[in-house]
C-alpha atoms as a PDB file:
ATOM      1  CA  MET A   1     -10.023  58.667-114.574  1.00  0.00           C
ATOM      2  CA  ASP A   2      -8.157  57.366-111.535  1.00  0.00           C
ATOM      3  CA  THR A   3     -10.786  55.634-109.400  1.00  0.00           C
ATOM      4  CA  GLN A   4     -11.751  52.156-108.321  1.00  0.00           C
ATOM      5  CA  HIS A   5     -15.381  52.704-109.299  1.00  0.00           C
ATOM      6  CA  LEU A   6     -16.850  51.741-112.639  1.00  0.00           C
ATOM      7  CA  PRO A   7     -19.102  54.386-114.171  1.00  0.00           C
ATOM      8  CA  ILE A   8     -22.591  52.913-114.480  1.00  0.00           C
ATOM      9  CA  LEU A   9     -25.676  54.657-115.818  1.00  0.00           C
ATOM     10  CA  ILE A  10     -28.904  53.227-114.424  1.00  0.00           C
ATOM     11  CA  THR A  11     -32.347  54.580-115.186  1.00  0.00           C
ATOM     12  CA  VAL A  12     -35.005  53.323-112.799  1.00  0.00           C
ATOM     13  CA  GLY A  13     -38.646  54.198-113.184  1.00  0.00           C
ATOM     14  CA  VAL A  14     -42.076  52.684-112.847  1.00  0.00           C
ATOM     15  CA  VAL A  15     -44.114  52.553-115.994  1.00  0.00           C
ATOM     16  CA  ARG A  16     -47.560  51.366-115.021  1.00  0.00           C
ATOM     17  CA  HIS A  17     -48.678  50.064-118.400  1.00  0.00           C
ATOM     18  CA  LEU A  18     -45.609  47.833-118.771  1.00  0.00           C
ATOM     19  CA  LEU A  19     -46.301  45.871-115.606  1.00  0.00           C
ATOM     20  CA  SER A  20     -48.420  42.849-116.324  1.00  0.00           C
ATOM     21  CA  ARG A  21     -51.601  42.934-114.271  1.00  0.00           C
ATOM     22  CA  PRO A  22     -54.221  40.188-114.292  1.00  0.00           C
ATOM     23  CA  MET A  23     -57.742  41.449-114.752  1.00  0.00           C
ATOM     24  CA  GLY A  24     -59.731  41.913-111.571  1.00  0.00           C
ATOM     25  CA  GLN A  25     -56.783  42.705-109.319  1.00  0.00           C
ATOM     26  CA  ARG A  26     -55.716  46.072-108.052  1.00  0.00           C
ATOM     27  CA  MET A  27     -52.193  47.259-107.479  1.00  0.00           C
ATOM     28  CA  ASP A  28     -51.367  48.657-104.056  1.00  0.00           C
ATOM     29  CA  TRP A  29     -48.868  51.286-105.190  1.00  0.00           C
ATOM     30  CA  THR A  30     -47.892  52.244-101.630  1.00  0.00           C
ATOM     31  CA  ALA A  31     -46.898  48.663-100.802  1.00  0.00           C
ATOM     32  CA  PHE A  32     -45.055  48.425-104.129  1.00  0.00           C
ATOM     33  CA  GLN A  33     -43.131  51.622-103.389  1.00  0.00           C
ATOM     34  CA  ASN A  34     -42.315  50.503 -99.843  1.00  0.00           C
ATOM     35  CA  SER A  35     -40.954  47.195-101.139  1.00  0.00           C
ATOM     36  CA  LEU A  36     -38.675  48.976-103.567  1.00  0.00           C
ATOM     37  CA  GLU A  37     -37.473  51.491-100.971  1.00  0.00           C
ATOM     38  CA  THR A  38     -36.051  48.642 -98.898  1.00  0.00           C
ATOM     39  CA  LEU A  39     -34.300  47.204-101.947  1.00  0.00           C
ATOM     40  CA  ASN A  40     -30.641  46.476-101.257  1.00  0.00           C
ATOM     41  CA  LEU A  41     -28.303  45.185-103.958  1.00  0.00           C
ATOM     42  CA  ARG A  42     -24.953  43.716-103.075  1.00  0.00           C
ATOM     43  CA  TYR A  43     -21.997  46.063-103.354  1.00  0.00           C
ATOM     44  CA  PRO A  44     -19.455  46.736-104.812  1.00  0.00           C
ATOM     45  CA  LEU A  45     -20.092  46.185-108.497  1.00  0.00           C
ATOM     46  CA  GLU A  46     -16.571  45.687-109.771  1.00  0.00           C
ATOM     47  CA  THR A  47     -16.910  43.628-112.927  1.00  0.00           C
ATOM     48  CA  PRO A  48     -19.405  43.543-115.783  1.00  0.00           C
ATOM     49  CA  LYS A  49     -20.548  40.154-114.439  1.00  0.00           C
ATOM     50  CA  ASP A  50     -21.369  41.785-111.073  1.00  0.00           C
ATOM     51  CA  VAL A  51     -23.419  44.422-112.886  1.00  0.00           C
ATOM     52  CA  GLU A  52     -25.350  41.753-114.823  1.00  0.00           C
ATOM     53  CA  GLU A  53     -26.052  39.774-111.651  1.00  0.00           C
ATOM     54  CA  ALA A  54     -27.200  42.918-109.852  1.00  0.00           C
ATOM     55  CA  ALA A  55     -29.497  43.769-112.778  1.00  0.00           C
ATOM     56  CA  GLU A  56     -31.051  40.302-112.650  1.00  0.00           C
ATOM     57  CA  ILE A  57     -31.554  40.603-108.887  1.00  0.00           C
ATOM     58  CA  LEU A  58     -33.125  44.034-109.384  1.00  0.00           C
ATOM     59  CA  VAL A  59     -35.592  42.705-111.977  1.00  0.00           C
ATOM     60  CA  ASP A  60     -36.489  39.732-109.751  1.00  0.00           C
ATOM     61  CA  ARG A  61     -37.089  41.987-106.746  1.00  0.00           C
ATOM     62  CA  ILE A  62     -39.272  44.352-108.794  1.00  0.00           C
ATOM     63  CA  ARG A  63     -41.373  41.397-109.979  1.00  0.00           C
ATOM     64  CA  GLU A  64     -41.621  40.082-106.419  1.00  0.00           C
ATOM     65  CA  ALA A  65     -42.705  43.519-105.158  1.00  0.00           C
ATOM     66  CA  GLN A  66     -45.334  43.616-107.896  1.00  0.00           C
ATOM     67  CA  ARG A  67     -46.704  40.189-106.944  1.00  0.00           C
ATOM     68  CA  ASN A  68     -46.792  41.098-103.249  1.00  0.00           C
ATOM     69  CA  ALA A  69     -48.518  44.428-103.889  1.00  0.00           C
ATOM     70  CA  MET A  70     -51.168  42.768-106.029  1.00  0.00           C
ATOM     71  CA  ALA A  71     -51.780  39.912-103.611  1.00  0.00           C
ATOM     72  CA  SER A  72     -52.267  42.263-100.682  1.00  0.00           C
ATOM     73  CA  GLN A  73     -55.693  43.386-101.890  1.00  0.00           C
ATOM     74  CA  PRO A  74     -58.689  41.099-102.372  1.00  0.00           C
ATOM     75  CA  ILE A  75     -60.101  40.593-105.837  1.00  0.00           C
ATOM     76  CA  LYS A  76     -63.510  42.151-106.163  1.00  0.00           C
ATOM     77  CA  THR A  77     -65.758  39.891-108.190  1.00  0.00           C
ATOM     78  CA  SER A  78     -68.998  41.716-107.653  1.00  0.00           C
ATOM     79  CA  ARG A  79     -70.256  44.938-106.150  1.00  0.00           C
ATOM     80  CA  ARG A  80     -72.866  42.944-104.262  1.00  0.00           C
ATOM     81  CA  GLY A  81     -70.660  40.024-103.286  1.00  0.00           C
ATOM     82  CA  ASN A  82     -70.095  41.277 -99.772  1.00  0.00           C
ATOM     83  CA  LEU A  83     -73.754  41.869 -98.874  1.00  0.00           C
ATOM     84  CA  PRO A  84     -75.292  39.886 -96.016  1.00  0.00           C
ATOM     85  CA  PHE A  85     -76.995  36.655 -97.026  1.00  0.00           C
ATOM     86  CA  HIS A  86     -80.516  37.801 -96.080  1.00  0.00           C
ATOM     87  CA  VAL A  87     -80.151  40.897 -98.309  1.00  0.00           C
ATOM     88  CA  ARG A  88     -78.949  38.810-101.286  1.00  0.00           C
ATOM     89  CA  GLU A  89     -81.864  36.443-100.689  1.00  0.00           C
ATOM     90  CA  LYS A  90     -84.362  39.353-100.786  1.00  0.00           C
ATOM     91  CA  MET A  91     -82.815  40.655-104.004  1.00  0.00           C
ATOM     92  CA  GLN A  92     -83.114  37.207-105.593  1.00  0.00           C
ATOM     93  CA  GLN A  93     -86.736  36.991-104.498  1.00  0.00           C
ATOM     94  CA  LYS A  94     -87.413  40.442-105.990  1.00  0.00           C
ATOM     95  CA  ARG A  95     -85.901  39.350-109.333  1.00  0.00           C
ATOM     96  CA  ARG A  96     -88.041  36.207-109.383  1.00  0.00           C
ATOM     97  CA  LEU A  97     -91.205  38.196-108.647  1.00  0.00           C
ATOM     98  CA  HIS A  98     -90.338  40.716-111.341  1.00  0.00           C
ATOM     99  CA  LYS A  99     -89.849  37.913-113.906  1.00  0.00           C
ATOM    100  CA  LEU A 100     -93.169  36.384-112.872  1.00  0.00           C
ATOM    101  CA  TRP A 101     -94.916  39.741-113.217  1.00  0.00           C
ATOM    102  CA  ILE A 102     -93.398  40.250-116.690  1.00  0.00           C
ATOM    103  CA  ARG A 103     -94.623  36.813-117.851  1.00  0.00           C
ATOM    104  CA  THR A 104     -98.124  37.037-116.382  1.00  0.00           C
ATOM    105  CA  ARG A 105     -99.095  40.707-116.689  1.00  0.00           C
ATOM    106  CA  LEU A 106    -102.018  41.750-118.855  1.00  0.00           C
ATOM    107  CA  THR A 107    -101.019  43.555-122.022  1.00  0.00           C
END
């Protein structure tokens, strides 16, 4: 083989269950994909050391894209967390009245 290029076999894929994901956060897959589409490794890869360095850079950039895609969406702690204050206050009052009714009702 008379060429200046080294034959390199690279398999790149996204396996969702292998990416660590803290509970309560959602992954923005579009942002993750966009980050990886703009990925640019330095060229040319002439020595095995260059290939190793490029692989480390690739892994770091994938992790960075993952962190950025997860941080771009707010963590939802409650379905009712974003309700207006006066609505949450009414719901709390309703719960208190229900508890009072349960304790004081005639059986």
